[in-house]
N, C-alpha and C. Protein backbone atom coordinates (compact mmCIF):
# COMPACT_ATOMS: atom_id res chain seq x y z
N MET A 1 35.72 49.90 -66.72
CA MET A 1 36.13 48.58 -66.27
C MET A 1 35.01 48.04 -65.39
N THR A 2 34.62 46.79 -65.66
CA THR A 2 33.53 46.19 -64.91
C THR A 2 34.02 45.68 -63.56
N LEU A 3 33.07 45.44 -62.69
CA LEU A 3 33.39 44.91 -61.37
C LEU A 3 34.06 43.55 -61.49
N MET A 4 33.58 42.72 -62.40
CA MET A 4 34.19 41.39 -62.58
C MET A 4 35.64 41.49 -63.05
N THR A 5 35.92 42.45 -63.91
CA THR A 5 37.30 42.65 -64.37
C THR A 5 38.18 43.08 -63.21
N LEU A 6 37.67 43.98 -62.38
CA LEU A 6 38.44 44.42 -61.22
C LEU A 6 38.74 43.26 -60.28
N ILE A 7 37.75 42.43 -60.04
CA ILE A 7 37.94 41.28 -59.15
C ILE A 7 38.95 40.31 -59.75
N LYS A 8 38.83 40.05 -61.05
CA LYS A 8 39.76 39.14 -61.73
C LYS A 8 41.19 39.67 -61.64
N ASN A 9 41.38 40.97 -61.88
CA ASN A 9 42.71 41.58 -61.80
C ASN A 9 43.25 41.53 -60.38
N TRP A 10 42.40 41.75 -59.41
CA TRP A 10 42.82 41.69 -58.00
C TRP A 10 43.30 40.29 -57.65
N ARG A 11 42.51 39.27 -58.06
CA ARG A 11 42.91 37.89 -57.78
C ARG A 11 44.22 37.53 -58.47
N LEU A 12 44.35 37.96 -59.72
CA LEU A 12 45.58 37.69 -60.46
C LEU A 12 46.77 38.32 -59.76
N GLY A 13 46.62 39.55 -59.29
CA GLY A 13 47.69 40.25 -58.58
C GLY A 13 48.10 39.53 -57.32
N ARG A 14 47.13 39.01 -56.60
CA ARG A 14 47.44 38.26 -55.38
C ARG A 14 48.19 36.98 -55.70
N THR A 15 47.76 36.30 -56.76
CA THR A 15 48.41 35.06 -57.16
C THR A 15 49.86 35.31 -57.57
N VAL A 16 50.06 36.32 -58.39
CA VAL A 16 51.42 36.66 -58.84
C VAL A 16 52.28 37.06 -57.65
N GLY A 17 51.71 37.84 -56.75
CA GLY A 17 52.45 38.26 -55.56
C GLY A 17 52.90 37.08 -54.71
N ARG A 18 52.00 36.11 -54.54
CA ARG A 18 52.35 34.91 -53.76
C ARG A 18 53.45 34.10 -54.46
N GLU A 19 53.34 34.00 -55.79
CA GLU A 19 54.34 33.25 -56.54
C GLU A 19 55.72 33.90 -56.44
N LEU A 20 55.75 35.23 -56.54
CA LEU A 20 57.04 35.92 -56.41
C LEU A 20 57.59 35.79 -54.99
N ALA A 21 56.70 35.89 -54.01
CA ALA A 21 57.14 35.79 -52.62
C ALA A 21 57.69 34.41 -52.31
N SER A 22 57.26 33.39 -53.04
CA SER A 22 57.74 32.04 -52.77
C SER A 22 59.14 31.79 -53.33
N LEU A 23 59.63 32.70 -54.18
CA LEU A 23 60.97 32.54 -54.76
C LEU A 23 62.03 32.98 -53.76
N ASP A 24 63.16 32.28 -53.77
CA ASP A 24 64.28 32.76 -52.97
C ASP A 24 64.96 33.89 -53.75
N ALA A 25 65.94 34.53 -53.16
CA ALA A 25 66.59 35.69 -53.78
C ALA A 25 67.19 35.35 -55.14
N ASP A 26 67.80 34.16 -55.24
CA ASP A 26 68.40 33.76 -56.52
C ASP A 26 67.34 33.53 -57.59
N GLY A 27 66.24 32.91 -57.21
CA GLY A 27 65.15 32.66 -58.15
C GLY A 27 64.53 33.96 -58.63
N LEU A 28 64.33 34.92 -57.72
CA LEU A 28 63.78 36.21 -58.09
C LEU A 28 64.73 36.95 -59.02
N GLN A 29 66.01 36.90 -58.70
CA GLN A 29 67.02 37.54 -59.55
C GLN A 29 67.02 36.93 -60.95
N ALA A 30 66.95 35.61 -61.03
CA ALA A 30 66.96 34.93 -62.33
C ALA A 30 65.72 35.28 -63.15
N LEU A 31 64.56 35.28 -62.50
CA LEU A 31 63.33 35.63 -63.20
C LEU A 31 63.37 37.07 -63.70
N ALA A 32 63.79 37.97 -62.83
CA ALA A 32 63.89 39.38 -63.22
C ALA A 32 64.85 39.55 -64.39
N GLN A 33 65.97 38.87 -64.35
CA GLN A 33 66.94 38.96 -65.43
C GLN A 33 66.36 38.42 -66.74
N ASP A 34 65.58 37.35 -66.65
CA ASP A 34 64.96 36.77 -67.85
C ASP A 34 64.04 37.75 -68.55
N VAL A 35 63.36 38.59 -67.79
CA VAL A 35 62.43 39.55 -68.41
C VAL A 35 63.04 40.94 -68.55
N GLY A 36 64.32 41.07 -68.22
CA GLY A 36 65.01 42.34 -68.43
C GLY A 36 64.69 43.42 -67.42
N LEU A 37 64.41 43.01 -66.19
CA LEU A 37 64.09 43.97 -65.12
C LEU A 37 64.97 43.72 -63.92
N SER A 38 64.98 44.69 -63.02
CA SER A 38 65.62 44.46 -61.73
C SER A 38 64.59 43.74 -60.85
N PRO A 39 65.04 43.05 -59.79
CA PRO A 39 64.07 42.41 -58.89
C PRO A 39 63.07 43.41 -58.30
N ASP A 40 63.53 44.63 -57.99
CA ASP A 40 62.62 45.65 -57.45
C ASP A 40 61.55 46.04 -58.48
N GLN A 41 61.97 46.23 -59.73
CA GLN A 41 61.01 46.57 -60.78
C GLN A 41 60.00 45.45 -60.96
N LEU A 42 60.46 44.22 -60.97
CA LEU A 42 59.57 43.09 -61.15
C LEU A 42 58.54 43.02 -60.03
N ALA A 43 58.98 43.18 -58.81
CA ALA A 43 58.06 43.14 -57.66
C ALA A 43 57.05 44.28 -57.74
N ARG A 44 57.52 45.46 -58.11
CA ARG A 44 56.62 46.62 -58.22
C ARG A 44 55.57 46.41 -59.31
N LEU A 45 56.00 45.90 -60.45
CA LEU A 45 55.07 45.66 -61.54
C LEU A 45 54.08 44.56 -61.19
N ALA A 46 54.55 43.53 -60.53
CA ALA A 46 53.67 42.43 -60.16
C ALA A 46 52.60 42.88 -59.16
N SER A 47 52.91 43.86 -58.35
CA SER A 47 51.95 44.34 -57.36
C SER A 47 50.86 45.21 -57.98
N ARG A 48 51.06 45.62 -59.22
CA ARG A 48 50.08 46.48 -59.90
C ARG A 48 49.38 45.70 -61.01
N SER A 49 48.65 44.66 -60.62
CA SER A 49 47.99 43.81 -61.61
C SER A 49 47.03 44.65 -62.44
N GLY A 50 47.00 44.36 -63.71
CA GLY A 50 46.11 45.09 -64.62
C GLY A 50 46.68 46.40 -65.09
N ALA A 51 47.74 46.87 -64.44
CA ALA A 51 48.34 48.14 -64.84
C ALA A 51 49.03 47.96 -66.19
N GLY A 52 49.04 49.00 -66.96
CA GLY A 52 49.69 48.95 -68.26
C GLY A 52 48.77 48.53 -69.38
N GLY A 53 47.53 48.20 -69.06
CA GLY A 53 46.59 47.79 -70.09
C GLY A 53 46.19 48.92 -71.02
N GLU A 54 46.52 50.14 -70.64
CA GLU A 54 46.17 51.28 -71.47
C GLU A 54 47.10 51.44 -72.67
N LEU A 55 48.31 50.92 -72.59
CA LEU A 55 49.29 51.12 -73.65
C LEU A 55 48.81 50.62 -75.02
N PRO A 56 48.32 49.40 -75.13
CA PRO A 56 47.84 48.97 -76.45
C PRO A 56 46.71 49.85 -76.99
N ARG A 57 45.85 50.28 -76.11
CA ARG A 57 44.74 51.16 -76.53
C ARG A 57 45.27 52.49 -77.02
N LEU A 58 46.26 53.03 -76.32
CA LEU A 58 46.83 54.32 -76.70
C LEU A 58 47.59 54.20 -78.03
N LEU A 59 48.34 53.12 -78.19
CA LEU A 59 49.06 52.91 -79.45
C LEU A 59 48.08 52.80 -80.61
N SER A 60 47.01 52.03 -80.42
CA SER A 60 46.00 51.89 -81.47
C SER A 60 45.37 53.23 -81.81
N ALA A 61 45.07 54.01 -80.79
CA ALA A 61 44.47 55.34 -81.02
C ALA A 61 45.44 56.26 -81.76
N ALA A 62 46.73 56.01 -81.59
CA ALA A 62 47.74 56.82 -82.27
C ALA A 62 48.05 56.29 -83.68
N GLY A 63 47.31 55.26 -84.09
CA GLY A 63 47.50 54.73 -85.44
C GLY A 63 48.61 53.70 -85.54
N LEU A 64 49.04 53.18 -84.41
CA LEU A 64 50.09 52.15 -84.40
C LEU A 64 49.47 50.80 -84.05
N VAL A 65 50.05 49.74 -84.54
CA VAL A 65 49.55 48.39 -84.27
C VAL A 65 50.41 47.78 -83.17
N PRO A 66 49.83 47.62 -81.96
CA PRO A 66 50.63 47.14 -80.83
C PRO A 66 51.38 45.84 -81.11
N GLU A 67 50.73 44.90 -81.78
CA GLU A 67 51.37 43.61 -82.06
C GLU A 67 52.58 43.80 -82.99
N ARG A 68 52.45 44.67 -83.96
CA ARG A 68 53.57 44.94 -84.88
C ARG A 68 54.70 45.63 -84.13
N MET A 69 54.34 46.58 -83.27
CA MET A 69 55.35 47.28 -82.48
C MET A 69 56.10 46.29 -81.58
N ALA A 70 55.37 45.32 -81.02
CA ALA A 70 56.01 44.32 -80.16
C ALA A 70 57.01 43.46 -80.94
N ARG A 71 56.72 43.23 -82.21
CA ARG A 71 57.64 42.44 -83.05
C ARG A 71 58.83 43.27 -83.52
N THR A 72 58.57 44.49 -83.95
CA THR A 72 59.64 45.29 -84.56
C THR A 72 60.43 46.13 -83.57
N HIS A 73 59.84 46.42 -82.43
CA HIS A 73 60.49 47.26 -81.42
C HIS A 73 60.30 46.65 -80.03
N ALA A 74 60.71 45.39 -79.88
CA ALA A 74 60.46 44.66 -78.63
C ALA A 74 61.02 45.38 -77.40
N ASP A 75 62.24 45.89 -77.50
CA ASP A 75 62.84 46.57 -76.34
C ASP A 75 62.10 47.85 -76.00
N VAL A 76 61.71 48.59 -77.01
CA VAL A 76 60.97 49.84 -76.79
C VAL A 76 59.62 49.53 -76.15
N MET A 77 58.94 48.51 -76.66
CA MET A 77 57.64 48.14 -76.09
C MET A 77 57.79 47.69 -74.64
N ARG A 78 58.85 46.93 -74.34
CA ARG A 78 59.06 46.51 -72.96
C ARG A 78 59.25 47.72 -72.06
N ASP A 79 60.07 48.66 -72.51
CA ASP A 79 60.32 49.86 -71.71
C ASP A 79 59.04 50.69 -71.55
N MET A 80 58.27 50.83 -72.63
CA MET A 80 57.03 51.60 -72.52
C MET A 80 56.04 50.89 -71.61
N SER A 81 56.00 49.57 -71.65
CA SER A 81 55.11 48.82 -70.76
C SER A 81 55.49 49.02 -69.30
N ILE A 82 56.78 49.05 -69.02
CA ILE A 82 57.24 49.28 -67.65
C ILE A 82 56.82 50.67 -67.19
N VAL A 83 57.03 51.66 -68.05
CA VAL A 83 56.64 53.03 -67.70
C VAL A 83 55.14 53.10 -67.49
N CYS A 84 54.38 52.49 -68.39
CA CYS A 84 52.92 52.52 -68.29
C CYS A 84 52.44 51.82 -67.03
N SER A 85 53.04 50.69 -66.71
CA SER A 85 52.63 49.93 -65.54
C SER A 85 52.89 50.68 -64.24
N GLY A 86 53.89 51.53 -64.23
CA GLY A 86 54.20 52.29 -63.03
C GLY A 86 53.60 53.69 -63.01
N CYS A 87 52.79 54.00 -64.01
CA CYS A 87 52.26 55.36 -64.14
C CYS A 87 51.29 55.71 -63.01
N GLU A 88 51.43 56.90 -62.52
CA GLU A 88 50.58 57.36 -61.42
C GLU A 88 49.22 57.89 -61.89
N VAL A 89 49.06 58.10 -63.19
CA VAL A 89 47.80 58.65 -63.70
C VAL A 89 47.06 57.64 -64.58
N ALA A 90 47.27 56.35 -64.32
CA ALA A 90 46.66 55.29 -65.14
C ALA A 90 45.13 55.39 -65.11
N ARG A 91 44.56 55.69 -63.98
CA ARG A 91 43.10 55.79 -63.88
C ARG A 91 42.59 56.92 -64.78
N ARG A 92 43.27 58.06 -64.75
CA ARG A 92 42.89 59.18 -65.62
C ARG A 92 43.04 58.79 -67.09
N CYS A 93 44.13 58.11 -67.42
CA CYS A 93 44.40 57.67 -68.78
C CYS A 93 43.29 56.75 -69.26
N ARG A 94 42.94 55.77 -68.45
CA ARG A 94 41.89 54.82 -68.80
C ARG A 94 40.58 55.55 -69.06
N ARG A 95 40.25 56.47 -68.19
CA ARG A 95 39.01 57.24 -68.33
C ARG A 95 39.03 58.08 -69.61
N ASP A 96 40.15 58.74 -69.88
CA ASP A 96 40.26 59.56 -71.09
C ASP A 96 40.20 58.71 -72.36
N LEU A 97 40.82 57.54 -72.33
CA LEU A 97 40.75 56.65 -73.49
C LEU A 97 39.33 56.14 -73.70
N ASP A 98 38.63 55.84 -72.60
CA ASP A 98 37.22 55.42 -72.71
C ASP A 98 36.37 56.50 -73.36
N ARG A 99 36.73 57.74 -73.15
CA ARG A 99 35.98 58.86 -73.73
C ARG A 99 36.43 59.19 -75.15
N GLY A 100 37.47 58.50 -75.63
CA GLY A 100 37.97 58.77 -76.97
C GLY A 100 38.89 59.98 -77.02
N TRP A 101 39.52 60.28 -75.91
CA TRP A 101 40.35 61.48 -75.80
C TRP A 101 41.84 61.15 -75.87
N ALA A 102 42.25 60.30 -76.78
CA ALA A 102 43.67 59.92 -76.88
C ALA A 102 44.59 61.13 -77.04
N PRO A 103 44.22 62.16 -77.82
CA PRO A 103 45.12 63.33 -77.90
C PRO A 103 45.33 64.01 -76.55
N VAL A 104 44.32 63.98 -75.70
CA VAL A 104 44.46 64.56 -74.36
C VAL A 104 45.44 63.72 -73.54
N VAL A 105 45.33 62.40 -73.65
CA VAL A 105 46.21 61.51 -72.90
C VAL A 105 47.67 61.80 -73.27
N GLN A 106 47.91 62.05 -74.55
CA GLN A 106 49.28 62.27 -74.99
C GLN A 106 49.88 63.56 -74.44
N ARG A 107 49.08 64.40 -73.85
CA ARG A 107 49.62 65.61 -73.22
C ARG A 107 50.30 65.31 -71.89
N TYR A 108 49.86 64.26 -71.20
CA TYR A 108 50.43 63.96 -69.89
C TYR A 108 51.08 62.58 -69.79
N CYS A 109 50.97 61.79 -70.83
CA CYS A 109 51.51 60.43 -70.81
C CYS A 109 53.04 60.45 -70.80
N PRO A 110 53.66 59.70 -69.88
CA PRO A 110 55.12 59.65 -69.86
C PRO A 110 55.71 58.95 -71.08
N ASN A 111 54.89 58.23 -71.84
CA ASN A 111 55.34 57.58 -73.07
C ASN A 111 55.04 58.39 -74.32
N ALA A 112 54.52 59.58 -74.17
CA ALA A 112 54.07 60.37 -75.33
C ALA A 112 55.18 60.64 -76.33
N GLU A 113 56.35 60.99 -75.86
CA GLU A 113 57.45 61.29 -76.79
C GLU A 113 57.88 60.04 -77.57
N THR A 114 57.88 58.90 -76.91
CA THR A 114 58.25 57.66 -77.59
C THR A 114 57.20 57.31 -78.64
N ILE A 115 55.94 57.47 -78.29
CA ILE A 115 54.86 57.19 -79.24
C ILE A 115 54.96 58.13 -80.43
N LYS A 116 55.26 59.38 -80.16
CA LYS A 116 55.43 60.36 -81.24
C LYS A 116 56.58 59.95 -82.17
N ALA A 117 57.67 59.48 -81.58
CA ALA A 117 58.83 59.05 -82.38
C ALA A 117 58.49 57.81 -83.21
N LEU A 118 57.73 56.88 -82.64
CA LEU A 118 57.32 55.69 -83.38
C LEU A 118 56.41 56.06 -84.55
N ARG A 119 55.53 57.01 -84.33
CA ARG A 119 54.64 57.46 -85.42
C ARG A 119 55.45 58.14 -86.51
N ALA A 120 56.41 58.96 -86.13
CA ALA A 120 57.25 59.64 -87.13
C ALA A 120 58.06 58.63 -87.92
N GLU A 121 58.58 57.62 -87.24
CA GLU A 121 59.33 56.57 -87.93
C GLU A 121 58.45 55.82 -88.92
N ARG A 122 57.24 55.53 -88.52
CA ARG A 122 56.29 54.84 -89.40
C ARG A 122 56.00 55.68 -90.63
N CYS A 123 55.84 56.98 -90.43
CA CYS A 123 55.55 57.89 -91.55
C CYS A 123 56.73 57.96 -92.51
N ARG A 124 57.96 57.97 -91.98
CA ARG A 124 59.15 58.01 -92.84
C ARG A 124 59.31 56.72 -93.64
N ALA A 125 58.84 55.59 -93.06
CA ALA A 125 58.99 54.30 -93.71
C ALA A 125 58.00 54.11 -94.86
N VAL A 126 56.92 54.85 -94.85
CA VAL A 126 55.92 54.74 -95.91
C VAL A 126 56.34 55.60 -97.09
N PRO A 127 56.56 54.97 -98.28
CA PRO A 127 57.03 55.74 -99.44
C PRO A 127 55.94 56.63 -100.02
């Protein structure tokens, strides 16, 4: 990740944080409900700008098309994005993906079982 990307993500996180902070409790509740999260989850995810960017890369490395998964398994993708955004080993994941070590990532990724199930489903669907 370049320095400019880090700065851009930092600025975006600050902007999102200010926007959420400007909402009253009802507004925050309504926004969280619209995206299928609790207000606490929404605030936590908003504070981690740039987090979760590894998921599309990991899905692609596993032979899955992130855009197709988002269309066909929207709820699963939302849940995996939440897990990925809150992951404590995102930096390690990013580094391992940069090295082309997706199989290594799947050893510690909290979404690994879901990704495995999606791959198995895809294989069953192919005649």
